[in-house]
């Protein structure tokens, strides 16, 4: 989860999206498996060559960070998220990996100024919640990658049912097929697939692209 730039905040400084995830962090992992499809498939798509410096934007509870640490034991990882509550869960999960994992509590606007450029930036069901701001986040990822580095995205794409699209909008998710063109404009695709979920109730995007 990550707030999009410019989202209005409450008087106490906490945005609506932060409040949403402060509540949902308690049961996020127990419920999201039922509709966040493709998270394992996208890891298969970027497995070779093994990435050494990985950034996950909207790392949430750290589920992907743990899997990435185990799959790529020589990699250094950074997770960025705006939700302090989600990062607290992520910290408890990744503690065993020590200094290999760095967690940043901030809105994403690029992190390459703090360290070496990445060779993989992962967005797992995060970009569809940058509203507005997805284009700026994709541009920031392009800037964080070294030449030849890859961006990997798994996310909601669209739905043929207006009621479902509206319901997802109430949960801060935009699914209007807008992410794929933005990614294709900046990255050369190595994986570019639209997959059906629940008999076509919606489609999700699997995308891996290279910075040239």
N, C-alpha and C. Protein backbone atom coordinates (compact mmCIF):
# COMPACT_ATOMS: atom_id res chain seq x y z
N UNK A 1 0.84 -1.18 0.00
CA UNK A 1 0.00 0.00 0.00
C UNK A 1 0.88 1.23 0.00
N UNK A 2 0.48 2.22 -0.74
CA UNK A 2 1.23 3.47 -0.76
C UNK A 2 0.30 4.57 -1.21
N UNK A 3 0.31 5.70 -0.54
CA UNK A 3 -0.53 6.83 -0.91
C UNK A 3 0.00 7.47 -2.17
N UNK A 4 -0.91 7.90 -3.01
CA UNK A 4 -0.51 8.65 -4.18
C UNK A 4 -0.17 10.07 -3.81
N UNK A 5 0.78 10.70 -4.54
CA UNK A 5 1.12 12.09 -4.24
C UNK A 5 -0.11 12.99 -4.35
N UNK A 6 -0.24 13.90 -3.42
CA UNK A 6 -1.32 14.87 -3.49
C UNK A 6 -2.61 14.44 -2.84
N UNK A 7 -2.66 13.22 -2.28
CA UNK A 7 -3.90 12.78 -1.62
C UNK A 7 -4.11 13.61 -0.35
N UNK A 8 -5.31 14.18 -0.16
CA UNK A 8 -5.55 15.00 1.03
C UNK A 8 -5.47 14.19 2.30
N UNK A 9 -4.94 14.78 3.33
CA UNK A 9 -4.78 14.11 4.60
C UNK A 9 -5.77 14.67 5.62
N UNK A 10 -6.02 13.89 6.66
CA UNK A 10 -6.89 14.32 7.74
C UNK A 10 -6.16 15.34 8.59
N UNK A 11 -6.88 16.07 9.46
CA UNK A 11 -6.23 17.06 10.32
C UNK A 11 -5.10 16.48 11.16
N UNK A 12 -5.16 15.19 11.51
CA UNK A 12 -4.11 14.60 12.32
C UNK A 12 -2.94 14.15 11.46
N UNK A 13 -3.01 14.38 10.14
CA UNK A 13 -1.90 14.03 9.26
C UNK A 13 -2.00 12.66 8.65
N UNK A 14 -3.05 11.91 8.94
CA UNK A 14 -3.22 10.56 8.43
C UNK A 14 -4.24 10.58 7.30
N UNK A 15 -3.86 10.06 6.13
CA UNK A 15 -4.76 10.05 4.99
C UNK A 15 -5.83 8.98 5.14
N UNK A 16 -6.85 9.05 4.28
CA UNK A 16 -7.92 8.04 4.29
C UNK A 16 -7.34 6.65 4.00
N UNK A 17 -6.36 6.59 3.11
CA UNK A 17 -5.75 5.31 2.76
C UNK A 17 -4.95 4.76 3.93
N UNK A 18 -4.27 5.62 4.65
CA UNK A 18 -3.53 5.17 5.84
C UNK A 18 -4.49 4.63 6.90
N UNK A 19 -5.61 5.31 7.09
CA UNK A 19 -6.59 4.83 8.06
C UNK A 19 -7.16 3.48 7.62
N UNK A 20 -7.40 3.35 6.32
CA UNK A 20 -7.91 2.09 5.76
C UNK A 20 -6.97 0.94 6.11
N UNK A 21 -5.68 1.15 5.90
CA UNK A 21 -4.73 0.06 6.12
C UNK A 21 -4.35 -0.10 7.60
N UNK A 22 -4.53 0.92 8.40
CA UNK A 22 -4.33 0.74 9.83
C UNK A 22 -5.35 -0.28 10.36
N UNK A 23 -6.56 -0.24 9.81
CA UNK A 23 -7.58 -1.22 10.19
C UNK A 23 -7.32 -2.57 9.55
N UNK A 24 -7.04 -2.58 8.22
CA UNK A 24 -6.92 -3.84 7.49
C UNK A 24 -5.63 -4.58 7.77
N UNK A 25 -4.62 -3.93 8.33
CA UNK A 25 -3.35 -4.61 8.61
C UNK A 25 -3.54 -5.80 9.56
N UNK A 26 -4.61 -5.78 10.35
CA UNK A 26 -4.84 -6.84 11.34
C UNK A 26 -5.18 -8.18 10.68
N UNK A 27 -5.80 -8.12 9.50
CA UNK A 27 -6.23 -9.37 8.86
C UNK A 27 -5.91 -9.40 7.36
N UNK A 28 -5.03 -8.54 6.92
CA UNK A 28 -4.74 -8.41 5.49
C UNK A 28 -4.29 -9.75 4.88
N UNK A 29 -3.29 -10.39 5.46
CA UNK A 29 -2.75 -11.61 4.88
C UNK A 29 -3.76 -12.76 4.90
N UNK A 30 -4.65 -12.75 5.88
CA UNK A 30 -5.63 -13.84 6.00
C UNK A 30 -6.73 -13.75 4.97
N UNK A 31 -6.92 -12.56 4.36
CA UNK A 31 -8.05 -12.38 3.45
C UNK A 31 -7.65 -12.11 2.00
N UNK A 32 -6.51 -11.48 1.75
CA UNK A 32 -6.22 -11.01 0.40
C UNK A 32 -5.82 -12.12 -0.57
N UNK A 33 -5.46 -13.30 -0.06
CA UNK A 33 -5.10 -14.40 -0.96
C UNK A 33 -6.23 -14.73 -1.93
N UNK A 34 -7.47 -14.42 -1.56
CA UNK A 34 -8.62 -14.84 -2.36
C UNK A 34 -8.82 -14.00 -3.62
N UNK A 35 -8.12 -12.86 -3.75
CA UNK A 35 -8.28 -12.10 -4.99
C UNK A 35 -7.03 -11.36 -5.45
N UNK A 36 -5.92 -11.47 -4.74
CA UNK A 36 -4.67 -10.88 -5.22
C UNK A 36 -3.89 -11.96 -5.97
N UNK A 37 -4.35 -12.25 -7.17
CA UNK A 37 -3.77 -13.33 -7.95
C UNK A 37 -2.50 -12.88 -8.67
N UNK A 38 -1.66 -13.86 -8.99
CA UNK A 38 -0.49 -13.60 -9.82
C UNK A 38 0.75 -13.18 -9.08
N UNK A 39 0.71 -13.10 -7.76
CA UNK A 39 1.88 -12.65 -7.02
C UNK A 39 3.03 -13.63 -7.10
N UNK A 40 2.74 -14.91 -7.18
CA UNK A 40 3.81 -15.90 -7.37
C UNK A 40 4.27 -15.93 -8.83
N UNK A 41 3.32 -15.80 -9.75
CA UNK A 41 3.65 -15.85 -11.17
C UNK A 41 4.57 -14.71 -11.58
N UNK A 42 4.39 -13.54 -11.01
CA UNK A 42 5.25 -12.42 -11.41
C UNK A 42 6.68 -12.65 -10.93
N UNK A 43 6.85 -13.34 -9.82
CA UNK A 43 8.21 -13.66 -9.36
C UNK A 43 8.89 -14.64 -10.29
N UNK A 44 8.14 -15.58 -10.83
CA UNK A 44 8.71 -16.50 -11.82
C UNK A 44 9.17 -15.74 -13.06
N UNK A 45 8.44 -14.68 -13.41
CA UNK A 45 8.73 -13.94 -14.64
C UNK A 45 10.02 -13.14 -14.56
N UNK A 46 10.47 -12.78 -13.35
CA UNK A 46 11.72 -12.02 -13.26
C UNK A 46 12.83 -12.80 -12.56
N UNK A 47 12.68 -14.11 -12.43
CA UNK A 47 13.63 -14.91 -11.65
C UNK A 47 15.03 -14.93 -12.25
N UNK A 48 15.15 -14.83 -13.55
CA UNK A 48 16.47 -14.89 -14.20
C UNK A 48 16.66 -13.65 -15.06
N UNK A 49 17.86 -13.03 -14.94
CA UNK A 49 18.93 -13.32 -13.98
C UNK A 49 18.52 -12.88 -12.58
N UNK A 50 19.09 -13.54 -11.56
CA UNK A 50 18.69 -13.20 -10.19
C UNK A 50 19.00 -11.75 -9.85
N UNK A 51 18.01 -10.99 -9.37
CA UNK A 51 18.26 -9.59 -8.99
C UNK A 51 19.09 -9.52 -7.72
N UNK A 52 19.92 -8.48 -7.64
CA UNK A 52 20.78 -8.29 -6.46
C UNK A 52 20.33 -7.14 -5.59
N UNK A 53 19.74 -6.11 -6.18
CA UNK A 53 19.21 -4.98 -5.40
C UNK A 53 17.75 -4.80 -5.80
N UNK A 54 16.86 -5.06 -4.84
CA UNK A 54 15.43 -5.11 -5.09
C UNK A 54 14.72 -4.03 -4.27
N UNK A 55 13.82 -3.32 -4.92
CA UNK A 55 12.95 -2.36 -4.24
C UNK A 55 11.51 -2.81 -4.44
N UNK A 56 10.75 -2.96 -3.35
CA UNK A 56 9.31 -3.18 -3.48
C UNK A 56 8.58 -1.93 -3.00
N UNK A 57 7.78 -1.38 -3.89
CA UNK A 57 6.99 -0.19 -3.58
C UNK A 57 5.60 -0.63 -3.14
N UNK A 58 5.18 -0.17 -1.97
CA UNK A 58 3.92 -0.65 -1.41
C UNK A 58 4.09 -2.05 -0.86
N UNK A 59 5.12 -2.25 -0.04
CA UNK A 59 5.48 -3.61 0.42
C UNK A 59 4.50 -4.17 1.43
N UNK A 60 3.65 -3.33 2.01
CA UNK A 60 2.59 -3.82 2.90
C UNK A 60 3.13 -4.62 4.07
N UNK A 61 2.59 -5.80 4.27
CA UNK A 61 2.93 -6.64 5.42
C UNK A 61 4.22 -7.44 5.24
N UNK A 62 4.89 -7.26 4.12
CA UNK A 62 6.17 -7.92 3.92
C UNK A 62 6.11 -9.32 3.35
N UNK A 63 4.94 -9.75 2.91
CA UNK A 63 4.82 -11.10 2.35
C UNK A 63 5.80 -11.33 1.21
N UNK A 64 5.84 -10.40 0.27
CA UNK A 64 6.73 -10.57 -0.87
C UNK A 64 8.20 -10.45 -0.46
N UNK A 65 8.51 -9.57 0.48
CA UNK A 65 9.89 -9.41 0.90
C UNK A 65 10.45 -10.70 1.48
N UNK A 66 9.67 -11.41 2.25
CA UNK A 66 10.12 -12.68 2.81
C UNK A 66 10.39 -13.68 1.70
N UNK A 67 9.49 -13.78 0.75
CA UNK A 67 9.66 -14.72 -0.36
C UNK A 67 10.88 -14.35 -1.21
N UNK A 68 11.08 -13.05 -1.42
CA UNK A 68 12.22 -12.61 -2.20
C UNK A 68 13.53 -12.89 -1.47
N UNK A 69 13.57 -12.69 -0.17
CA UNK A 69 14.77 -12.99 0.61
C UNK A 69 15.15 -14.46 0.50
N UNK A 70 14.17 -15.32 0.57
CA UNK A 70 14.43 -16.76 0.50
C UNK A 70 14.82 -17.20 -0.91
N UNK A 71 14.20 -16.61 -1.90
CA UNK A 71 14.47 -17.01 -3.28
C UNK A 71 15.80 -16.46 -3.78
N UNK A 72 16.15 -15.25 -3.34
CA UNK A 72 17.38 -14.61 -3.80
C UNK A 72 18.26 -14.30 -2.59
N UNK A 73 18.97 -15.30 -2.08
CA UNK A 73 19.68 -15.15 -0.80
C UNK A 73 20.83 -14.15 -0.83
N UNK A 74 21.26 -13.72 -2.01
CA UNK A 74 22.35 -12.73 -2.09
C UNK A 74 21.82 -11.31 -2.31
N UNK A 75 20.52 -11.17 -2.38
CA UNK A 75 19.93 -9.86 -2.71
C UNK A 75 19.81 -8.99 -1.47
N UNK A 76 19.91 -7.68 -1.71
CA UNK A 76 19.59 -6.67 -0.71
C UNK A 76 18.24 -6.07 -1.09
N UNK A 77 17.36 -5.88 -0.10
CA UNK A 77 15.99 -5.48 -0.38
C UNK A 77 15.60 -4.23 0.39
N UNK A 78 14.81 -3.40 -0.28
CA UNK A 78 14.21 -2.22 0.36
C UNK A 78 12.71 -2.28 0.14
N UNK A 79 11.96 -2.07 1.20
CA UNK A 79 10.51 -1.99 1.11
C UNK A 79 10.04 -0.61 1.50
N UNK A 80 9.15 -0.05 0.72
CA UNK A 80 8.61 1.30 0.96
C UNK A 80 7.10 1.20 1.13
N UNK A 81 6.58 1.85 2.14
CA UNK A 81 5.13 1.88 2.32
C UNK A 81 4.76 3.10 3.17
N UNK A 82 3.58 3.62 2.93
CA UNK A 82 3.11 4.78 3.70
C UNK A 82 2.43 4.38 5.01
N UNK A 83 1.98 3.13 5.10
CA UNK A 83 1.25 2.69 6.28
C UNK A 83 2.19 2.18 7.36
N UNK A 84 2.24 2.89 8.47
CA UNK A 84 3.09 2.47 9.59
C UNK A 84 2.60 1.12 10.15
N UNK A 85 1.29 0.93 10.18
CA UNK A 85 0.74 -0.32 10.73
C UNK A 85 1.16 -1.52 9.87
N UNK A 86 1.11 -1.36 8.56
CA UNK A 86 1.53 -2.46 7.68
C UNK A 86 3.02 -2.74 7.83
N UNK A 87 3.82 -1.68 7.96
CA UNK A 87 5.26 -1.86 8.11
C UNK A 87 5.62 -2.53 9.43
N UNK A 88 4.83 -2.31 10.46
CA UNK A 88 5.08 -3.00 11.72
C UNK A 88 4.95 -4.51 11.54
N UNK A 89 3.96 -4.93 10.75
CA UNK A 89 3.82 -6.36 10.46
C UNK A 89 5.00 -6.83 9.61
N UNK A 90 5.37 -6.05 8.62
CA UNK A 90 6.50 -6.40 7.75
C UNK A 90 7.79 -6.53 8.55
N UNK A 91 7.99 -5.63 9.50
CA UNK A 91 9.22 -5.67 10.31
C UNK A 91 9.30 -6.95 11.12
N UNK A 92 8.18 -7.38 11.65
CA UNK A 92 8.18 -8.62 12.43
C UNK A 92 8.49 -9.83 11.56
N UNK A 93 8.08 -9.79 10.30
CA UNK A 93 8.32 -10.91 9.39
C UNK A 93 9.75 -10.95 8.87
N UNK A 94 10.34 -9.78 8.65
CA UNK A 94 11.65 -9.72 8.00
C UNK A 94 12.80 -9.58 8.98
N UNK A 95 12.50 -9.52 10.26
CA UNK A 95 13.55 -9.31 11.27
C UNK A 95 14.67 -10.34 11.15
N UNK A 96 14.32 -11.57 10.85
CA UNK A 96 15.32 -12.65 10.79
C UNK A 96 16.34 -12.46 9.69
N UNK A 97 16.04 -11.62 8.71
CA UNK A 97 16.96 -11.41 7.59
C UNK A 97 17.93 -10.26 7.84
N UNK A 98 17.81 -9.63 8.99
CA UNK A 98 18.77 -8.63 9.42
C UNK A 98 18.91 -7.47 8.47
N UNK A 99 20.17 -7.09 8.22
CA UNK A 99 20.47 -5.88 7.44
C UNK A 99 20.18 -6.04 5.96
N UNK A 100 19.84 -7.24 5.53
CA UNK A 100 19.50 -7.43 4.11
C UNK A 100 18.22 -6.69 3.73
N UNK A 101 17.36 -6.41 4.69
CA UNK A 101 16.06 -5.78 4.43
C UNK A 101 16.01 -4.42 5.12
N UNK A 102 15.69 -3.40 4.34
CA UNK A 102 15.52 -2.05 4.85
C UNK A 102 14.07 -1.64 4.58
N UNK A 103 13.39 -1.12 5.60
CA UNK A 103 12.00 -0.69 5.46
C UNK A 103 11.92 0.82 5.62
N UNK A 104 11.24 1.49 4.68
CA UNK A 104 11.11 2.94 4.69
C UNK A 104 9.64 3.33 4.81
N UNK A 105 9.35 4.16 5.80
CA UNK A 105 7.99 4.65 6.00
C UNK A 105 7.86 6.00 5.31
N UNK A 106 7.35 6.00 4.09
CA UNK A 106 7.24 7.23 3.31
C UNK A 106 6.39 6.97 2.07
N UNK A 107 5.90 8.05 1.49
CA UNK A 107 5.30 7.97 0.16
C UNK A 107 6.42 7.81 -0.85
N UNK A 108 6.16 7.05 -1.90
CA UNK A 108 7.23 6.75 -2.86
C UNK A 108 7.40 7.87 -3.87
N UNK A 109 8.65 8.34 -3.95
CA UNK A 109 9.00 9.32 -4.97
C UNK A 109 10.38 9.07 -5.50
N UNK A 110 10.87 7.83 -5.33
CA UNK A 110 12.22 7.47 -5.72
C UNK A 110 13.13 7.38 -4.50
N UNK A 111 14.03 6.39 -4.50
CA UNK A 111 14.95 6.20 -3.38
C UNK A 111 16.40 6.08 -3.83
N UNK A 112 16.66 6.19 -5.13
CA UNK A 112 18.01 5.93 -5.64
C UNK A 112 19.03 6.94 -5.13
N UNK A 113 18.56 8.10 -4.66
CA UNK A 113 19.49 9.07 -4.12
C UNK A 113 20.11 8.61 -2.81
N UNK A 114 19.50 7.61 -2.16
CA UNK A 114 19.98 7.13 -0.88
C UNK A 114 20.95 5.97 -1.02
N UNK A 115 20.97 5.30 -2.14
CA UNK A 115 21.79 4.11 -2.30
C UNK A 115 22.04 3.85 -3.78
N UNK A 116 22.66 2.72 -4.08
CA UNK A 116 22.90 2.35 -5.46
C UNK A 116 21.58 2.09 -6.18
N UNK A 117 21.62 2.27 -7.50
CA UNK A 117 20.43 2.01 -8.31
C UNK A 117 20.02 0.55 -8.19
N UNK A 118 18.73 0.30 -8.34
CA UNK A 118 18.18 -1.05 -8.23
C UNK A 118 18.27 -1.78 -9.57
N UNK A 119 18.24 -3.10 -9.51
CA UNK A 119 18.07 -3.84 -10.75
C UNK A 119 16.70 -4.50 -10.82
N UNK A 120 15.85 -4.29 -9.80
CA UNK A 120 14.45 -4.71 -9.87
C UNK A 120 13.61 -3.80 -9.00
N UNK A 121 12.52 -3.28 -9.55
CA UNK A 121 11.50 -2.58 -8.77
C UNK A 121 10.19 -3.35 -8.93
N UNK A 122 9.60 -3.74 -7.82
CA UNK A 122 8.37 -4.53 -7.81
C UNK A 122 7.21 -3.70 -7.28
N UNK A 123 6.11 -3.71 -8.03
CA UNK A 123 4.83 -3.17 -7.59
C UNK A 123 3.84 -4.33 -7.56
N UNK A 124 3.42 -4.74 -6.40
CA UNK A 124 2.46 -5.84 -6.27
C UNK A 124 1.15 -5.29 -5.71
N UNK A 125 0.17 -5.10 -6.59
CA UNK A 125 -1.13 -4.54 -6.21
C UNK A 125 -0.96 -3.22 -5.45
N UNK A 126 -0.11 -2.36 -5.98
CA UNK A 126 0.12 -1.05 -5.39
C UNK A 126 -0.25 0.07 -6.34
N UNK A 127 0.17 -0.03 -7.61
CA UNK A 127 -0.01 1.09 -8.54
C UNK A 127 -1.47 1.46 -8.74
N UNK A 128 -2.37 0.51 -8.71
CA UNK A 128 -3.78 0.82 -8.92
C UNK A 128 -4.36 1.67 -7.79
N UNK A 129 -3.60 1.83 -6.70
CA UNK A 129 -4.06 2.64 -5.58
C UNK A 129 -3.41 4.02 -5.56
N UNK A 130 -2.56 4.31 -6.54
CA UNK A 130 -1.96 5.64 -6.66
C UNK A 130 -2.89 6.49 -7.52
N UNK A 131 -3.80 7.19 -6.86
CA UNK A 131 -4.85 7.92 -7.59
C UNK A 131 -5.07 9.32 -7.00
N UNK A 132 -4.46 10.35 -7.62
CA UNK A 132 -3.58 10.29 -8.78
C UNK A 132 -2.17 9.91 -8.36
N UNK A 133 -1.28 9.75 -9.32
CA UNK A 133 0.11 9.52 -8.98
C UNK A 133 0.75 8.29 -9.58
N UNK A 134 -0.02 7.43 -10.28
CA UNK A 134 0.59 6.21 -10.82
C UNK A 134 1.66 6.53 -11.87
N UNK A 135 1.41 7.55 -12.69
CA UNK A 135 2.40 7.89 -13.72
C UNK A 135 3.69 8.40 -13.08
N UNK A 136 3.57 9.21 -12.02
CA UNK A 136 4.75 9.70 -11.32
C UNK A 136 5.51 8.55 -10.65
N UNK A 137 4.79 7.58 -10.12
CA UNK A 137 5.44 6.43 -9.48
C UNK A 137 6.20 5.59 -10.50
N UNK A 138 5.62 5.40 -11.68
CA UNK A 138 6.29 4.65 -12.74
C UNK A 138 7.54 5.39 -13.20
N UNK A 139 7.44 6.72 -13.30
CA UNK A 139 8.62 7.52 -13.67
C UNK A 139 9.69 7.41 -12.59
N UNK A 140 9.29 7.42 -11.31
CA UNK A 140 10.26 7.30 -10.22
C UNK A 140 10.94 5.93 -10.25
N UNK A 141 10.18 4.88 -10.56
CA UNK A 141 10.77 3.55 -10.68
C UNK A 141 11.79 3.50 -11.81
N UNK A 142 11.47 4.14 -12.92
CA UNK A 142 12.41 4.20 -14.04
C UNK A 142 13.71 4.88 -13.59
N UNK A 143 13.59 5.93 -12.79
CA UNK A 143 14.77 6.63 -12.29
C UNK A 143 15.56 5.82 -11.28
N UNK A 144 14.89 4.96 -10.52
CA UNK A 144 15.57 4.14 -9.52
C UNK A 144 16.30 2.95 -10.11
N UNK A 145 15.99 2.59 -11.35
CA UNK A 145 16.59 1.42 -11.98
C UNK A 145 17.88 1.77 -12.71
N UNK A 146 18.83 0.86 -12.63
CA UNK A 146 20.01 0.98 -13.46
C UNK A 146 19.65 0.59 -14.89
N UNK A 147 20.49 0.94 -15.85
CA UNK A 147 20.26 0.55 -17.23
C UNK A 147 20.18 -0.98 -17.33
N UNK A 148 19.15 -1.47 -17.99
CA UNK A 148 18.94 -2.91 -18.07
C UNK A 148 18.16 -3.48 -16.91
N UNK A 149 17.87 -2.65 -15.88
CA UNK A 149 17.06 -3.11 -14.77
C UNK A 149 15.62 -3.33 -15.17
N UNK A 150 14.89 -4.03 -14.30
CA UNK A 150 13.52 -4.42 -14.65
C UNK A 150 12.50 -3.90 -13.65
N UNK A 151 11.33 -3.58 -14.16
CA UNK A 151 10.18 -3.29 -13.32
C UNK A 151 9.23 -4.47 -13.44
N UNK A 152 8.65 -4.89 -12.33
CA UNK A 152 7.70 -6.00 -12.32
C UNK A 152 6.41 -5.52 -11.67
N UNK A 153 5.30 -5.76 -12.34
CA UNK A 153 4.01 -5.28 -11.86
C UNK A 153 2.99 -6.40 -11.94
N UNK A 154 2.29 -6.64 -10.85
CA UNK A 154 1.08 -7.45 -10.88
C UNK A 154 0.01 -6.60 -10.22
N UNK A 155 -1.14 -6.44 -10.92
CA UNK A 155 -2.13 -5.49 -10.41
C UNK A 155 -3.46 -5.70 -11.13
N UNK A 156 -4.51 -5.12 -10.56
CA UNK A 156 -5.81 -5.12 -11.21
C UNK A 156 -5.73 -4.36 -12.53
N UNK A 157 -6.45 -4.86 -13.54
CA UNK A 157 -6.47 -4.20 -14.84
C UNK A 157 -7.83 -3.57 -15.12
N UNK A 158 -8.87 -4.40 -15.31
CA UNK A 158 -10.19 -3.86 -15.59
C UNK A 158 -11.26 -4.88 -15.24
N UNK A 159 -12.52 -4.46 -15.35
CA UNK A 159 -13.66 -5.34 -15.11
C UNK A 159 -14.76 -5.00 -16.10
N UNK A 160 -15.48 -6.01 -16.55
CA UNK A 160 -16.61 -5.76 -17.44
C UNK A 160 -17.89 -5.44 -16.67
N UNK A 161 -17.79 -5.44 -15.36
CA UNK A 161 -18.95 -5.17 -14.51
C UNK A 161 -18.76 -3.83 -13.79
N UNK A 162 -19.62 -2.89 -14.12
CA UNK A 162 -19.52 -1.57 -13.53
C UNK A 162 -19.65 -1.57 -12.02
N UNK A 163 -20.52 -2.45 -11.48
CA UNK A 163 -20.72 -2.48 -10.03
C UNK A 163 -19.44 -2.90 -9.32
N UNK A 164 -18.70 -3.84 -9.94
CA UNK A 164 -17.47 -4.31 -9.31
C UNK A 164 -16.39 -3.22 -9.36
N UNK A 165 -16.30 -2.55 -10.50
CA UNK A 165 -15.34 -1.44 -10.61
C UNK A 165 -15.64 -0.36 -9.58
N UNK A 166 -16.93 -0.05 -9.39
CA UNK A 166 -17.30 0.97 -8.40
C UNK A 166 -16.99 0.51 -6.98
N UNK A 167 -17.24 -0.77 -6.69
CA UNK A 167 -16.95 -1.30 -5.37
C UNK A 167 -15.45 -1.25 -5.08
N UNK A 168 -14.65 -1.59 -6.08
CA UNK A 168 -13.20 -1.52 -5.90
C UNK A 168 -12.76 -0.08 -5.70
N UNK A 169 -13.42 0.84 -6.39
CA UNK A 169 -13.11 2.25 -6.20
C UNK A 169 -13.34 2.70 -4.76
N UNK A 170 -14.37 2.14 -4.13
CA UNK A 170 -14.64 2.45 -2.73
C UNK A 170 -13.53 1.94 -1.83
N UNK A 171 -12.77 0.96 -2.34
CA UNK A 171 -11.62 0.42 -1.60
C UNK A 171 -10.31 0.98 -2.13
N UNK A 172 -10.38 2.16 -2.75
CA UNK A 172 -9.22 2.93 -3.19
C UNK A 172 -8.51 2.35 -4.40
N UNK A 173 -9.15 1.44 -5.12
CA UNK A 173 -8.52 0.80 -6.28
C UNK A 173 -9.15 1.31 -7.56
N UNK A 174 -8.32 1.78 -8.47
CA UNK A 174 -8.76 2.17 -9.81
C UNK A 174 -8.43 1.03 -10.77
N UNK A 175 -9.42 0.53 -11.48
CA UNK A 175 -9.17 -0.56 -12.44
C UNK A 175 -9.84 -0.22 -13.77
N UNK A 176 -9.16 0.62 -14.53
CA UNK A 176 -9.67 1.10 -15.81
C UNK A 176 -8.69 0.84 -16.95
N UNK A 177 -7.82 -0.13 -16.78
CA UNK A 177 -6.87 -0.48 -17.82
C UNK A 177 -5.83 0.58 -18.10
N UNK A 178 -5.58 1.45 -17.13
CA UNK A 178 -4.72 2.61 -17.36
C UNK A 178 -3.24 2.35 -17.11
N UNK A 179 -2.89 1.29 -16.39
CA UNK A 179 -1.49 1.07 -16.02
C UNK A 179 -0.65 0.54 -17.18
N UNK A 180 -1.20 -0.38 -17.95
CA UNK A 180 -0.41 -1.03 -19.00
C UNK A 180 0.14 -0.03 -20.01
N UNK A 181 -0.64 0.91 -20.55
CA UNK A 181 -0.06 1.87 -21.50
C UNK A 181 1.06 2.70 -20.90
N UNK A 182 0.95 3.07 -19.63
CA UNK A 182 1.98 3.86 -18.98
C UNK A 182 3.27 3.06 -18.84
N UNK A 183 3.15 1.78 -18.54
CA UNK A 183 4.33 0.92 -18.42
C UNK A 183 4.99 0.69 -19.78
N UNK A 184 4.17 0.46 -20.81
CA UNK A 184 4.71 0.23 -22.15
C UNK A 184 5.41 1.46 -22.70
N UNK A 185 5.01 2.64 -22.23
CA UNK A 185 5.64 3.87 -22.71
C UNK A 185 7.05 4.04 -22.18
N UNK A 186 7.41 3.35 -21.08
CA UNK A 186 8.72 3.55 -20.46
C UNK A 186 9.60 2.31 -20.48
N UNK A 187 9.01 1.12 -20.62
CA UNK A 187 9.78 -0.11 -20.48
C UNK A 187 9.53 -1.04 -21.66
N UNK A 188 10.58 -1.77 -22.05
CA UNK A 188 10.47 -2.79 -23.09
C UNK A 188 9.97 -4.08 -22.45
N UNK A 189 8.79 -4.56 -22.81
CA UNK A 189 8.22 -5.71 -22.08
C UNK A 189 8.93 -7.03 -22.38
N UNK A 190 9.13 -7.79 -21.33
CA UNK A 190 9.56 -9.18 -21.47
C UNK A 190 8.43 -10.14 -21.08
N UNK A 191 7.52 -9.66 -20.25
CA UNK A 191 6.27 -10.36 -19.92
C UNK A 191 5.15 -9.33 -19.95
N UNK A 192 4.08 -9.63 -20.66
CA UNK A 192 2.97 -8.68 -20.79
C UNK A 192 1.70 -9.50 -21.01
N UNK A 193 1.00 -9.82 -19.91
CA UNK A 193 -0.16 -10.69 -19.99
C UNK A 193 -1.33 -10.11 -19.21
N UNK A 194 -2.53 -10.30 -19.75
CA UNK A 194 -3.76 -10.00 -19.04
C UNK A 194 -4.43 -11.33 -18.70
N UNK A 195 -4.74 -11.53 -17.43
CA UNK A 195 -5.26 -12.82 -16.95
C UNK A 195 -6.65 -12.62 -16.35
N UNK A 196 -7.51 -13.62 -16.57
CA UNK A 196 -8.88 -13.56 -16.08
C UNK A 196 -8.97 -14.09 -14.66
N UNK A 197 -9.83 -13.46 -13.87
CA UNK A 197 -10.08 -13.90 -12.49
C UNK A 197 -11.57 -14.10 -12.31
N UNK A 198 -11.92 -15.18 -11.60
CA UNK A 198 -13.31 -15.49 -11.30
C UNK A 198 -14.19 -15.39 -12.55
N UNK A 199 -13.85 -16.24 -13.53
CA UNK A 199 -14.63 -16.37 -14.77
C UNK A 199 -14.78 -15.03 -15.50
N UNK A 200 -13.78 -14.20 -15.38
CA UNK A 200 -13.79 -12.94 -16.11
C UNK A 200 -14.45 -11.78 -15.39
N UNK A 201 -14.73 -11.94 -14.09
CA UNK A 201 -15.27 -10.81 -13.34
C UNK A 201 -14.32 -9.61 -13.43
N UNK A 202 -13.03 -9.91 -13.38
CA UNK A 202 -12.03 -8.87 -13.65
C UNK A 202 -10.82 -9.50 -14.29
N UNK A 203 -9.93 -8.65 -14.80
CA UNK A 203 -8.65 -9.10 -15.33
C UNK A 203 -7.53 -8.41 -14.54
N UNK A 204 -6.44 -9.15 -14.40
CA UNK A 204 -5.27 -8.55 -13.75
C UNK A 204 -4.09 -8.60 -14.71
N UNK A 205 -3.16 -7.69 -14.48
CA UNK A 205 -2.01 -7.48 -15.35
C UNK A 205 -0.77 -8.13 -14.74
N UNK A 206 -0.05 -8.88 -15.58
CA UNK A 206 1.29 -9.36 -15.25
C UNK A 206 2.25 -8.70 -16.23
N UNK A 207 3.15 -7.88 -15.70
CA UNK A 207 4.04 -7.13 -16.59
C UNK A 207 5.45 -7.10 -16.01
N UNK A 208 6.42 -7.45 -16.85
CA UNK A 208 7.82 -7.25 -16.52
C UNK A 208 8.44 -6.52 -17.71
N UNK A 209 9.11 -5.41 -17.43
CA UNK A 209 9.71 -4.63 -18.50
C UNK A 209 11.12 -4.20 -18.15
N UNK A 210 11.91 -4.00 -19.17
CA UNK A 210 13.32 -3.65 -19.00
C UNK A 210 13.55 -2.17 -19.32
N UNK A 211 14.39 -1.55 -18.51
CA UNK A 211 14.81 -0.18 -18.78
C UNK A 211 15.95 -0.20 -19.79
N UNK A 212 15.74 0.49 -20.91
CA UNK A 212 16.75 0.45 -21.96
C UNK A 212 17.55 1.75 -22.00
